[in-house]
Amino acid sequence: MATTVVEVGLDIPDATLIVIEHPERFGLAQLHQLRGRVGRADRPGRCVLLVGKQMGDVARKRLGIFKRVENGQELAEEDLKLRGPASSWNITAWLPEFRAVIRSPIWT
């Protein structure tokens, strides 16, 4: 067992199996990175998802996308459709005292 930070840092070319517990807790990009850790040699890799007992509709849809799409670019596009675009400069959750300055666009 390992955390996602350790797992993504590993490079074991002959690895053919990865088991991800509670994949509903991860985003599509994280799942894609983990799936990419196996099947790097001449043998195919397998990714097993151990889903928790309670899973919401959004998580179910996200895992359906993950199962269907293997290409990283397509996965990112599906994630964008699912979550919508984020604001590049809206970091008010981190720095609320600079709200007026940070919300003003630097370029248009």
PDB file of N, CA and C in Angstrom:
ATOM      1  N   MET A   1       0.833  -1.181   0.000  1.00  0.00           N
ATOM      2  CA  MET A   1       0.000   0.000   0.000  1.00  0.00           C
ATOM      3  C   MET A   1       0.878   1.244   0.000  1.00  0.00           C
ATOM      4  N   ALA A   2       0.361   2.283  -0.623  1.00  0.00           N
ATOM      5  CA  ALA A   2       1.092   3.538  -0.684  1.00  0.00           C
ATOM      6  C   ALA A   2       0.110   4.679  -0.924  1.00  0.00           C
ATOM      7  N   THR A   3       0.547   5.868  -0.634  1.00  0.00           N
ATOM      8  CA  THR A   3      -0.270   7.034  -0.957  1.00  0.00           C
ATOM      9  C   THR A   3      -0.082   7.363  -2.426  1.00  0.00           C
ATOM     10  N   THR A   4      -0.915   8.222  -2.976  1.00  0.00           N
ATOM     11  CA  THR A   4      -0.779   8.576  -4.386  1.00  0.00           C
ATOM     12  C   THR A   4       0.535   9.296  -4.651  1.00  0.00           C
ATOM     13  N   VAL A   5       1.065  10.028  -3.689  1.00  0.00           N
ATOM     14  CA  VAL A   5       2.322  10.741  -3.881  1.00  0.00           C
ATOM     15  C   VAL A   5       3.458   9.736  -4.093  1.00  0.00           C
ATOM     16  N   VAL A   6       3.509   8.713  -3.273  1.00  0.00           N
ATOM     17  CA  VAL A   6       4.539   7.689  -3.404  1.00  0.00           C
ATOM     18  C   VAL A   6       4.327   6.906  -4.689  1.00  0.00           C
ATOM     19  N   GLU A   7       3.102   6.516  -4.961  1.00  0.00           N
ATOM     20  CA  GLU A   7       2.808   5.668  -6.105  1.00  0.00           C
ATOM     21  C   GLU A   7       3.192   6.321  -7.424  1.00  0.00           C
ATOM     22  N   VAL A   8       2.908   7.588  -7.603  1.00  0.00           N
ATOM     23  CA  VAL A   8       3.235   8.272  -8.845  1.00  0.00           C
ATOM     24  C   VAL A   8       4.742   8.444  -8.983  1.00  0.00           C
ATOM     25  N   GLY A   9       5.462   8.462  -7.869  1.00  0.00           N
ATOM     26  CA  GLY A   9       6.904   8.612  -7.908  1.00  0.00           C
ATOM     27  C   GLY A   9       7.641   7.326  -8.236  1.00  0.00           C
ATOM     28  N   LEU A  10       6.956   6.214  -8.206  1.00  0.00           N
ATOM     29  CA  LEU A  10       7.596   4.929  -8.483  1.00  0.00           C
ATOM     30  C   LEU A  10       7.637   4.641  -9.978  1.00  0.00           C
ATOM     31  N   ASP A  11       8.692   3.995 -10.412  1.00  0.00           N
ATOM     32  CA  ASP A  11       8.805   3.563 -11.793  1.00  0.00           C
ATOM     33  C   ASP A  11       9.265   2.110 -11.798  1.00  0.00           C
ATOM     34  N   ILE A  12       8.312   1.203 -11.906  1.00  0.00           N
ATOM     35  CA  ILE A  12       8.609  -0.227 -11.948  1.00  0.00           C
ATOM     36  C   ILE A  12       8.106  -0.728 -13.300  1.00  0.00           C
ATOM     37  N   PRO A  13       8.960  -0.783 -14.298  1.00  0.00           N
ATOM     38  CA  PRO A  13       8.529  -1.092 -15.664  1.00  0.00           C
ATOM     39  C   PRO A  13       7.780  -2.413 -15.815  1.00  0.00           C
ATOM     40  N   ASP A  14       8.079  -3.420 -14.978  1.00  0.00           N
ATOM     41  CA  ASP A  14       7.436  -4.722 -15.113  1.00  0.00           C
ATOM     42  C   ASP A  14       6.124  -4.853 -14.342  1.00  0.00           C
ATOM     43  N   ALA A  15       5.690  -3.789 -13.674  1.00  0.00           N
ATOM     44  CA  ALA A  15       4.431  -3.848 -12.917  1.00  0.00           C
ATOM     45  C   ALA A  15       3.258  -4.027 -13.879  1.00  0.00           C
ATOM     46  N   THR A  16       2.366  -4.945 -13.534  1.00  0.00           N
ATOM     47  CA  THR A  16       1.225  -5.212 -14.408  1.00  0.00           C
ATOM     48  C   THR A  16      -0.120  -5.032 -13.715  1.00  0.00           C
ATOM     49  N   LEU A  17      -0.122  -4.765 -12.414  1.00  0.00           N
ATOM     50  CA  LEU A  17      -1.379  -4.646 -11.683  1.00  0.00           C
ATOM     51  C   LEU A  17      -1.310  -3.502 -10.684  1.00  0.00           C
ATOM     52  N   ILE A  18      -2.364  -2.704 -10.653  1.00  0.00           N
ATOM     53  CA  ILE A  18      -2.518  -1.691  -9.610  1.00  0.00           C
ATOM     54  C   ILE A  18      -3.939  -1.804  -9.073  1.00  0.00           C
ATOM     55  N   VAL A  19      -4.062  -1.750  -7.763  1.00  0.00           N
ATOM     56  CA  VAL A  19      -5.361  -1.801  -7.095  1.00  0.00           C
ATOM     57  C   VAL A  19      -5.556  -0.460  -6.404  1.00  0.00           C
ATOM     58  N   ILE A  20      -6.655   0.213  -6.724  1.00  0.00           N
ATOM     59  CA  ILE A  20      -6.933   1.530  -6.149  1.00  0.00           C
ATOM     60  C   ILE A  20      -8.149   1.409  -5.246  1.00  0.00           C
ATOM     61  N   GLU A  21      -7.943   1.638  -3.959  1.00  0.00           N
ATOM     62  CA  GLU A  21      -9.040   1.611  -2.998  1.00  0.00           C
ATOM     63  C   GLU A  21      -9.759   2.956  -3.003  1.00  0.00           C
ATOM     64  N   HIS A  22     -11.065   2.925  -2.928  1.00  0.00           N
ATOM     65  CA  HIS A  22     -11.913   4.117  -2.904  1.00  0.00           C
ATOM     66  C   HIS A  22     -11.580   5.088  -4.051  1.00  0.00           C
ATOM     67  N   PRO A  23     -11.638   4.626  -5.283  1.00  0.00           N
ATOM     68  CA  PRO A  23     -11.334   5.510  -6.415  1.00  0.00           C
ATOM     69  C   PRO A  23     -12.318   6.670  -6.540  1.00  0.00           C
ATOM     70  N   GLU A  24     -13.469   6.537  -5.923  1.00  0.00           N
ATOM     71  CA  GLU A  24     -14.455   7.617  -5.957  1.00  0.00           C
ATOM     72  C   GLU A  24     -13.964   8.861  -5.227  1.00  0.00           C
ATOM     73  N   ARG A  25     -12.914   8.727  -4.449  1.00  0.00           N
ATOM     74  CA  ARG A  25     -12.335   9.863  -3.721  1.00  0.00           C
ATOM     75  C   ARG A  25     -11.291  10.622  -4.534  1.00  0.00           C
ATOM     76  N   PHE A  26     -10.930  10.096  -5.694  1.00  0.00           N
ATOM     77  CA  PHE A  26      -9.895  10.698  -6.519  1.00  0.00           C
ATOM     78  C   PHE A  26     -10.501  11.398  -7.728  1.00  0.00           C
ATOM     79  N   GLY A  27      -9.761  12.342  -8.255  1.00  0.00           N
ATOM     80  CA  GLY A  27     -10.152  12.994  -9.493  1.00  0.00           C
ATOM     81  C   GLY A  27      -9.698  12.165 -10.687  1.00  0.00           C
ATOM     82  N   LEU A  28     -10.209  12.517 -11.856  1.00  0.00           N
ATOM     83  CA  LEU A  28      -9.860  11.778 -13.065  1.00  0.00           C
ATOM     84  C   LEU A  28      -8.363  11.855 -13.379  1.00  0.00           C
ATOM     85  N   ALA A  29      -7.754  13.001 -13.156  1.00  0.00           N
ATOM     86  CA  ALA A  29      -6.322  13.142 -13.443  1.00  0.00           C
ATOM     87  C   ALA A  29      -5.494  12.233 -12.535  1.00  0.00           C
ATOM     88  N   GLN A  30      -5.854  12.173 -11.256  1.00  0.00           N
ATOM     89  CA  GLN A  30      -5.123  11.305 -10.331  1.00  0.00           C
ATOM     90  C   GLN A  30      -5.273   9.842 -10.728  1.00  0.00           C
ATOM     91  N   LEU A  31      -6.494   9.444 -11.052  1.00  0.00           N
ATOM     92  CA  LEU A  31      -6.726   8.060 -11.454  1.00  0.00           C
ATOM     93  C   LEU A  31      -5.944   7.715 -12.718  1.00  0.00           C
ATOM     94  N   HIS A  32      -5.912   8.643 -13.648  1.00  0.00           N
ATOM     95  CA  HIS A  32      -5.185   8.418 -14.894  1.00  0.00           C
ATOM     96  C   HIS A  32      -3.684   8.269 -14.620  1.00  0.00           C
ATOM     97  N   GLN A  33      -3.141   9.085 -13.725  1.00  0.00           N
ATOM     98  CA  GLN A  33      -1.729   8.973 -13.362  1.00  0.00           C
ATOM     99  C   GLN A  33      -1.436   7.619 -12.729  1.00  0.00           C
ATOM    100  N   LEU A  34      -2.308   7.176 -11.848  1.00  0.00           N
ATOM    101  CA  LEU A  34      -2.102   5.889 -11.194  1.00  0.00           C
ATOM    102  C   LEU A  34      -2.188   4.743 -12.199  1.00  0.00           C
ATOM    103  N   ARG A  35      -3.168   4.801 -13.069  1.00  0.00           N
ATOM    104  CA  ARG A  35      -3.334   3.755 -14.087  1.00  0.00           C
ATOM    105  C   ARG A  35      -2.100   3.682 -14.991  1.00  0.00           C
ATOM    106  N   GLY A  36      -1.459   4.797 -15.213  1.00  0.00           N
ATOM    107  CA  GLY A  36      -0.278   4.835 -16.055  1.00  0.00           C
ATOM    108  C   GLY A  36       0.970   4.234 -15.436  1.00  0.00           C
ATOM    109  N   ARG A  37       0.905   3.850 -14.164  1.00  0.00           N
ATOM    110  CA  ARG A  37       2.055   3.242 -13.488  1.00  0.00           C
ATOM    111  C   ARG A  37       2.256   1.793 -13.891  1.00  0.00           C
ATOM    112  N   VAL A  38       1.254   1.156 -14.498  1.00  0.00           N
ATOM    113  CA  VAL A  38       1.350  -0.271 -14.840  1.00  0.00           C
ATOM    114  C   VAL A  38       1.210  -0.461 -16.344  1.00  0.00           C
ATOM    115  N   GLY A  39       1.714  -1.594 -16.811  1.00  0.00           N
ATOM    116  CA  GLY A  39       1.626  -1.897 -18.230  1.00  0.00           C
ATOM    117  C   GLY A  39       2.620  -1.129 -19.067  1.00  0.00           C
ATOM    118  N   ARG A  40       3.772  -0.847 -18.510  1.00  0.00           N
ATOM    119  CA  ARG A  40       4.782  -0.053 -19.226  1.00  0.00           C
ATOM    120  C   ARG A  40       5.724  -0.929 -20.038  1.00  0.00           C
ATOM    121  N   ALA A  41       5.837  -2.171 -19.709  1.00  0.00           N
ATOM    122  CA  ALA A  41       6.719  -3.070 -20.459  1.00  0.00           C
ATOM    123  C   ALA A  41       5.916  -3.690 -21.608  1.00  0.00           C
ATOM    124  N   ASP A  42       6.331  -4.853 -22.029  1.00  0.00           N
ATOM    125  CA  ASP A  42       5.652  -5.494 -23.154  1.00  0.00           C
ATOM    126  C   ASP A  42       4.387  -6.242 -22.739  1.00  0.00           C
ATOM    127  N   ARG A  43       4.086  -6.303 -21.450  1.00  0.00           N
ATOM    128  CA  ARG A  43       2.874  -6.978 -20.971  1.00  0.00           C
ATOM    129  C   ARG A  43       1.808  -5.941 -20.624  1.00  0.00           C
ATOM    130  N   PRO A  44       0.545  -6.245 -20.893  1.00  0.00           N
ATOM    131  CA  PRO A  44      -0.523  -5.280 -20.588  1.00  0.00           C
ATOM    132  C   PRO A  44      -0.711  -5.099 -19.080  1.00  0.00           C
ATOM    133  N   GLY A  45      -1.166  -3.914 -18.694  1.00  0.00           N
ATOM    134  CA  GLY A  45      -1.422  -3.628 -17.292  1.00  0.00           C
ATOM    135  C   GLY A  45      -2.900  -3.723 -16.972  1.00  0.00           C
ATOM    136  N   ARG A  46      -3.191  -3.951 -15.721  1.00  0.00           N
ATOM    137  CA  ARG A  46      -4.579  -3.997 -15.251  1.00  0.00           C
ATOM    138  C   ARG A  46      -4.730  -3.040 -14.078  1.00  0.00           C
ATOM    139  N   CYS A  47      -5.880  -2.376 -14.054  1.00  0.00           N
ATOM    140  CA  CYS A  47      -6.200  -1.431 -12.985  1.00  0.00           C
ATOM    141  C   CYS A  47      -7.500  -1.887 -12.339  1.00  0.00           C
ATOM    142  N   VAL A  48      -7.424  -2.258 -11.070  1.00  0.00           N
ATOM    143  CA  VAL A  48      -8.589  -2.742 -10.333  1.00  0.00           C
ATOM    144  C   VAL A  48      -9.051  -1.640  -9.390  1.00  0.00           C
ATOM    145  N   LEU A  49     -10.337  -1.309  -9.446  1.00  0.00           N
ATOM    146  CA  LEU A  49     -10.910  -0.277  -8.585  1.00  0.00           C
ATOM    147  C   LEU A  49     -11.762  -0.931  -7.508  1.00  0.00           C
ATOM    148  N   LEU A  50     -11.414  -0.679  -6.253  1.00  0.00           N
ATOM    149  CA  LEU A  50     -12.206  -1.177  -5.121  1.00  0.00           C
ATOM    150  C   LEU A  50     -13.062  -0.029  -4.609  1.00  0.00           C
ATOM    151  N   VAL A  51     -14.310  -0.024  -5.042  1.00  0.00           N
ATOM    152  CA  VAL A  51     -15.224   1.081  -4.765  1.00  0.00           C
ATOM    153  C   VAL A  51     -15.833   0.928  -3.376  1.00  0.00           C
ATOM    154  N   GLY A  52     -16.018   2.066  -2.694  1.00  0.00           N
ATOM    155  CA  GLY A  52     -16.653   2.068  -1.387  1.00  0.00           C
ATOM    156  C   GLY A  52     -18.131   1.713  -1.464  1.00  0.00           C
ATOM    157  N   LYS A  53     -18.739   1.478  -0.310  1.00  0.00           N
ATOM    158  CA  LYS A  53     -20.154   1.083  -0.262  1.00  0.00           C
ATOM    159  C   LYS A  53     -21.086   2.198  -0.729  1.00  0.00           C
ATOM    160  N   GLN A  54     -20.787   3.415  -0.352  1.00  0.00           N
ATOM    161  CA  GLN A  54     -21.646   4.539  -0.724  1.00  0.00           C
ATOM    162  C   GLN A  54     -20.914   5.410  -1.726  1.00  0.00           C
ATOM    163  N   MET A  55     -21.546   5.566  -2.894  1.00  0.00           N
ATOM    164  CA  MET A  55     -20.933   6.377  -3.926  1.00  0.00           C
ATOM    165  C   MET A  55     -22.018   7.244  -4.551  1.00  0.00           C
ATOM    166  N   GLY A  56     -21.740   8.532  -4.674  1.00  0.00           N
ATOM    167  CA  GLY A  56     -22.698   9.460  -5.245  1.00  0.00           C
ATOM    168  C   GLY A  56     -22.786   9.344  -6.759  1.00  0.00           C
ATOM    169  N   ASP A  57     -23.763  10.017  -7.320  1.00  0.00           N
ATOM    170  CA  ASP A  57     -23.985   9.981  -8.764  1.00  0.00           C
ATOM    171  C   ASP A  57     -22.816  10.575  -9.542  1.00  0.00           C
ATOM    172  N   VAL A  58     -22.246  11.669  -9.030  1.00  0.00           N
ATOM    173  CA  VAL A  58     -21.123  12.311  -9.724  1.00  0.00           C
ATOM    174  C   VAL A  58     -19.915  11.381  -9.741  1.00  0.00           C
ATOM    175  N   ALA A  59     -19.628  10.738  -8.616  1.00  0.00           N
ATOM    176  CA  ALA A  59     -18.506   9.802  -8.553  1.00  0.00           C
ATOM    177  C   ALA A  59     -18.743   8.621  -9.482  1.00  0.00           C
ATOM    178  N   ARG A  60     -19.957   8.131  -9.533  1.00  0.00           N
ATOM    179  CA  ARG A  60     -20.300   7.009 -10.419  1.00  0.00           C
ATOM    180  C   ARG A  60     -20.081   7.406 -11.876  1.00  0.00           C
ATOM    181  N   LYS A  61     -20.493   8.608 -12.231  1.00  0.00           N
ATOM    182  CA  LYS A  61     -20.311   9.089 -13.595  1.00  0.00           C
ATOM    183  C   LYS A  61     -18.824   9.253 -13.908  1.00  0.00           C
ATOM    184  N   ARG A  62     -18.066   9.810 -12.958  1.00  0.00           N
ATOM    185  CA  ARG A  62     -16.627  10.010 -13.135  1.00  0.00           C
ATOM    186  C   ARG A  62     -15.919   8.673 -13.357  1.00  0.00           C
ATOM    187  N   LEU A  63     -16.269   7.654 -12.586  1.00  0.00           N
ATOM    188  CA  LEU A  63     -15.634   6.350 -12.748  1.00  0.00           C
ATOM    189  C   LEU A  63     -16.053   5.688 -14.052  1.00  0.00           C
ATOM    190  N   GLY A  64     -17.260   5.959 -14.512  1.00  0.00           N
ATOM    191  CA  GLY A  64     -17.687   5.458 -15.817  1.00  0.00           C
ATOM    192  C   GLY A  64     -16.854   6.055 -16.935  1.00  0.00           C
ATOM    193  N   ILE A  65     -16.562   7.334 -16.819  1.00  0.00           N
ATOM    194  CA  ILE A  65     -15.699   8.007 -17.793  1.00  0.00           C
ATOM    195  C   ILE A  65     -14.303   7.399 -17.740  1.00  0.00           C
ATOM    196  N   PHE A  66     -13.791   7.194 -16.536  1.00  0.00           N
ATOM    197  CA  PHE A  66     -12.455   6.624 -16.358  1.00  0.00           C
ATOM    198  C   PHE A  66     -12.356   5.235 -16.986  1.00  0.00           C
ATOM    199  N   LYS A  67     -13.407   4.444 -16.844  1.00  0.00           N
ATOM    200  CA  LYS A  67     -13.430   3.097 -17.412  1.00  0.00           C
ATOM    201  C   LYS A  67     -13.430   3.136 -18.942  1.00  0.00           C
ATOM    202  N   ARG A  68     -14.150   4.094 -19.496  1.00  0.00           N
ATOM    203  CA  ARG A  68     -14.346   4.188 -20.947  1.00  0.00           C
ATOM    204  C   ARG A  68     -13.180   4.855 -21.678  1.00  0.00           C
ATOM    205  N   VAL A  69     -12.557   5.871 -21.064  1.00  0.00           N
ATOM    206  CA  VAL A  69     -11.559   6.699 -21.750  1.00  0.00           C
ATOM    207  C   VAL A  69     -10.157   6.397 -21.220  1.00  0.00           C
ATOM    208  N   GLU A  70      -9.230   6.103 -22.132  1.00  0.00           N
ATOM    209  CA  GLU A  70      -7.852   5.829 -21.730  1.00  0.00           C
ATOM    210  C   GLU A  70      -6.893   6.942 -22.130  1.00  0.00           C
ATOM    211  N   ASN A  71      -7.259   7.764 -23.092  1.00  0.00           N
ATOM    212  CA  ASN A  71      -6.411   8.848 -23.582  1.00  0.00           C
ATOM    213  C   ASN A  71      -6.485  10.026 -22.615  1.00  0.00           C
ATOM    214  N   GLY A  72      -5.324  10.540 -22.203  1.00  0.00           N
ATOM    215  CA  GLY A  72      -5.269  11.629 -21.224  1.00  0.00           C
ATOM    216  C   GLY A  72      -5.957  12.899 -21.682  1.00  0.00           C
ATOM    217  N   GLN A  73      -5.792  13.268 -22.946  1.00  0.00           N
ATOM    218  CA  GLN A  73      -6.428  14.481 -23.472  1.00  0.00           C
ATOM    219  C   GLN A  73      -7.953  14.348 -23.471  1.00  0.00           C
ATOM    220  N   GLU A  74      -8.440  13.206 -23.927  1.00  0.00           N
ATOM    221  CA  GLU A  74      -9.888  12.974 -23.923  1.00  0.00           C
ATOM    222  C   GLU A  74     -10.428  12.960 -22.502  1.00  0.00           C
ATOM    223  N   LEU A  75      -9.652  12.389 -21.590  1.00  0.00           N
ATOM    224  CA  LEU A  75     -10.071  12.341 -20.187  1.00  0.00           C
ATOM    225  C   LEU A  75     -10.182  13.749 -19.613  1.00  0.00           C
ATOM    226  N   ALA A  76      -9.226  14.617 -19.949  1.00  0.00           N
ATOM    227  CA  ALA A  76      -9.264  16.005 -19.487  1.00  0.00           C
ATOM    228  C   ALA A  76     -10.482  16.732 -20.052  1.00  0.00           C
ATOM    229  N   GLU A  77     -10.818  16.464 -21.307  1.00  0.00           N
ATOM    230  CA  GLU A  77     -11.990  17.096 -21.917  1.00  0.00           C
ATOM    231  C   GLU A  77     -13.277  16.627 -21.240  1.00  0.00           C
ATOM    232  N   GLU A  78     -13.355  15.340 -20.922  1.00  0.00           N
ATOM    233  CA  GLU A  78     -14.525  14.810 -20.214  1.00  0.00           C
ATOM    234  C   GLU A  78     -14.630  15.406 -18.809  1.00  0.00           C
ATOM    235  N   ASP A  79     -13.479  15.567 -18.158  1.00  0.00           N
ATOM    236  CA  ASP A  79     -13.448  16.160 -16.821  1.00  0.00           C
ATOM    237  C   ASP A  79     -13.938  17.607 -16.874  1.00  0.00           C
ATOM    238  N   LEU A  80     -13.541  18.327 -17.912  1.00  0.00           N
ATOM    239  CA  LEU A  80     -13.992  19.704 -18.094  1.00  0.00           C
ATOM    240  C   LEU A  80     -15.503  19.757 -18.283  1.00  0.00           C
ATOM    241  N   LYS A  81     -16.044  18.836 -19.064  1.00  0.00           N
ATOM    242  CA  LYS A  81     -17.504  18.775 -19.255  1.00  0.00           C
ATOM    243  C   LYS A  81     -18.213  18.485 -17.939  1.00  0.00           C
ATOM    244  N   LEU A  82     -17.622  17.608 -17.159  1.00  0.00           N
ATOM    245  CA  LEU A  82     -18.244  17.186 -15.900  1.00  0.00           C
ATOM    246  C   LEU A  82     -18.180  18.270 -14.823  1.00  0.00           C
ATOM    247  N   ARG A  83     -17.017  18.898 -14.656  1.00  0.00           N
ATOM    248  CA  ARG A  83     -16.825  19.866 -13.572  1.00  0.00           C
ATOM    249  C   ARG A  83     -16.986  21.309 -13.992  1.00  0.00           C
ATOM    250  N   GLY A  84     -16.807  21.583 -15.292  1.00  0.00           N
ATOM    251  CA  GLY A  84     -16.864  22.957 -15.762  1.00  0.00           C
ATOM    252  C   GLY A  84     -15.516  23.629 -15.607  1.00  0.00           C
ATOM    253  N   PRO A  85     -15.342  24.790 -16.247  1.00  0.00           N
ATOM    254  CA  PRO A  85     -14.050  25.485 -16.184  1.00  0.00           C
ATOM    255  C   PRO A  85     -13.831  26.137 -14.819  1.00  0.00           C
ATOM    256  N   ALA A  86     -12.583  26.263 -14.448  1.00  0.00           N
ATOM    257  CA  ALA A  86     -12.208  26.946 -13.206  1.00  0.00           C
ATOM    258  C   ALA A  86     -11.688  28.329 -13.548  1.00  0.00           C
ATOM    259  N   SER A  87     -11.732  29.209 -12.597  1.00  0.00           N
ATOM    260  CA  SER A  87     -11.176  30.543 -12.785  1.00  0.00           C
ATOM    261  C   SER A  87      -9.680  30.498 -12.496  1.00  0.00           C
ATOM    262  N   SER A  88      -8.881  30.988 -13.411  1.00  0.00           N
ATOM    263  CA  SER A  88      -7.430  30.942 -13.242  1.00  0.00           C
ATOM    264  C   SER A  88      -6.940  31.836 -12.105  1.00  0.00           C
ATOM    265  N   TRP A  89      -7.585  32.956 -11.901  1.00  0.00           N
ATOM    266  CA  TRP A  89      -7.070  33.930 -10.934  1.00  0.00           C
ATOM    267  C   TRP A  89      -7.927  34.071  -9.693  1.00  0.00           C
ATOM    268  N   ASN A  90      -8.958  33.278  -9.547  1.00  0.00           N
ATOM    269  CA  ASN A  90      -9.815  33.383  -8.371  1.00  0.00           C
ATOM    270  C   ASN A  90      -9.236  32.535  -7.244  1.00  0.00           C
ATOM    271  N   ILE A  91      -8.297  33.086  -6.525  1.00  0.00           N
ATOM    272  CA  ILE A  91      -7.684  32.367  -5.407  1.00  0.00           C
ATOM    273  C   ILE A  91      -8.102  33.007  -4.085  1.00  0.00           C
ATOM    274  N   THR A  92      -9.304  33.510  -4.051  1.00  0.00           N
ATOM    275  CA  THR A  92      -9.768  34.193  -2.850  1.00  0.00           C
ATOM    276  C   THR A  92      -9.913  33.254  -1.660  1.00  0.00           C
ATOM    277  N   ALA A  93     -10.041  31.952  -1.912  1.00  0.00           N
ATOM    278  CA  ALA A  93     -10.118  31.022  -0.789  1.00  0.00           C
ATOM    279  C   ALA A  93      -8.809  31.024  -0.006  1.00  0.00           C
ATOM    280  N   TRP A  94      -7.699  31.286  -0.697  1.00  0.00           N
ATOM    281  CA  TRP A  94      -6.405  31.323  -0.025  1.00  0.00           C
ATOM    282  C   TRP A  94      -6.100  32.693   0.540  1.00  0.00           C
ATOM    283  N   LEU A  95      -6.439  33.739  -0.203  1.00  0.00           N
ATOM    284  CA  LEU A  95      -6.077  35.094   0.183  1.00  0.00           C
ATOM    285  C   LEU A  95      -7.298  36.025   0.139  1.00  0.00           C
ATOM    286  N   PRO A  96      -8.234  35.881   1.050  1.00  0.00           N
ATOM    287  CA  PRO A  96      -9.450  36.688   0.976  1.00  0.00           C
ATOM    288  C   PRO A  96      -9.207  38.185   1.128  1.00  0.00           C
ATOM    289  N   GLU A  97      -8.111  38.577   1.778  1.00  0.00           N
ATOM    290  CA  GLU A  97      -7.846  40.006   1.962  1.00  0.00           C
ATOM    291  C   GLU A  97      -7.485  40.697   0.652  1.00  0.00           C
ATOM    292  N   PHE A  98      -7.097  39.949  -0.383  1.00  0.00           N
ATOM    293  CA  PHE A  98      -6.744  40.525  -1.678  1.00  0.00           C
ATOM    294  C   PHE A  98      -7.823  40.304  -2.728  1.00  0.00           C
ATOM    295  N   ARG A  99      -9.018  40.081  -2.295  1.00  0.00           N
ATOM    296  CA  ARG A  99     -10.114  39.725  -3.188  1.00  0.00           C
ATOM    297  C   ARG A  99     -10.256  40.677  -4.377  1.00  0.00           C
ATOM    298  N   ALA A 100     -10.263  41.963  -4.157  1.00  0.00           N
ATOM    299  CA  ALA A 100     -10.483  42.923  -5.243  1.00  0.00           C
ATOM    300  C   ALA A 100      -9.334  42.904  -6.239  1.00  0.00           C
ATOM    301  N   VAL A 101      -8.119  42.770  -5.757  1.00  0.00           N
ATOM    302  CA  VAL A 101      -6.957  42.773  -6.642  1.00  0.00           C
ATOM    303  C   VAL A 101      -6.884  41.482  -7.440  1.00  0.00           C
ATOM    304  N   ILE A 102      -7.057  40.362  -6.795  1.00  0.00           N
ATOM    305  CA  ILE A 102      -6.900  39.071  -7.451  1.00  0.00           C
ATOM    306  C   ILE A 102      -8.015  38.814  -8.469  1.00  0.00           C
ATOM    307  N   ARG A 103      -9.200  39.271  -8.221  1.00  0.00           N
ATOM    308  CA  ARG A 103     -10.304  39.015  -9.139  1.00  0.00           C
ATOM    309  C   ARG A 103     -10.220  39.846 -10.422  1.00  0.00           C
ATOM    310  N   SER A 104      -9.433  40.874 -10.433  1.00  0.00           N
ATOM    311  CA  SER A 104      -9.323  41.655 -11.654  1.00  0.00           C
ATOM    312  C   SER A 104      -8.409  40.923 -12.626  1.00  0.00           C
ATOM    313  N   PRO A 105      -8.834  40.762 -13.893  1.00  0.00           N
ATOM    314  CA  PRO A 105      -8.035  39.979 -14.839  1.00  0.00           C
ATOM    315  C   PRO A 105      -6.735  40.702 -15.224  1.00  0.00           C
ATOM    316  N   ILE A 106      -5.694  39.918 -15.408  1.00  0.00           N
ATOM    317  CA  ILE A 106      -4.402  40.456 -15.823  1.00  0.00           C
ATOM    318  C   ILE A 106      -4.402  40.639 -17.331  1.00  0.00           C
ATOM    319  N   TRP A 107      -5.015  39.725 -18.049  1.00  0.00           N
ATOM    320  CA  TRP A 107      -5.157  39.873 -19.497  1.00  0.00           C
ATOM    321  C   TRP A 107      -6.574  39.470 -19.879  1.00  0.00           C
ATOM    322  N   THR A 108      -7.004  39.900 -21.038  1.00  0.00           N
ATOM    323  CA  THR A 108      -8.357  39.557 -21.487  1.00  0.00           C
ATOM    324  C   THR A 108      -8.309  38.767 -22.767  1.00  0.00           C
TER     325      THR A 108
END
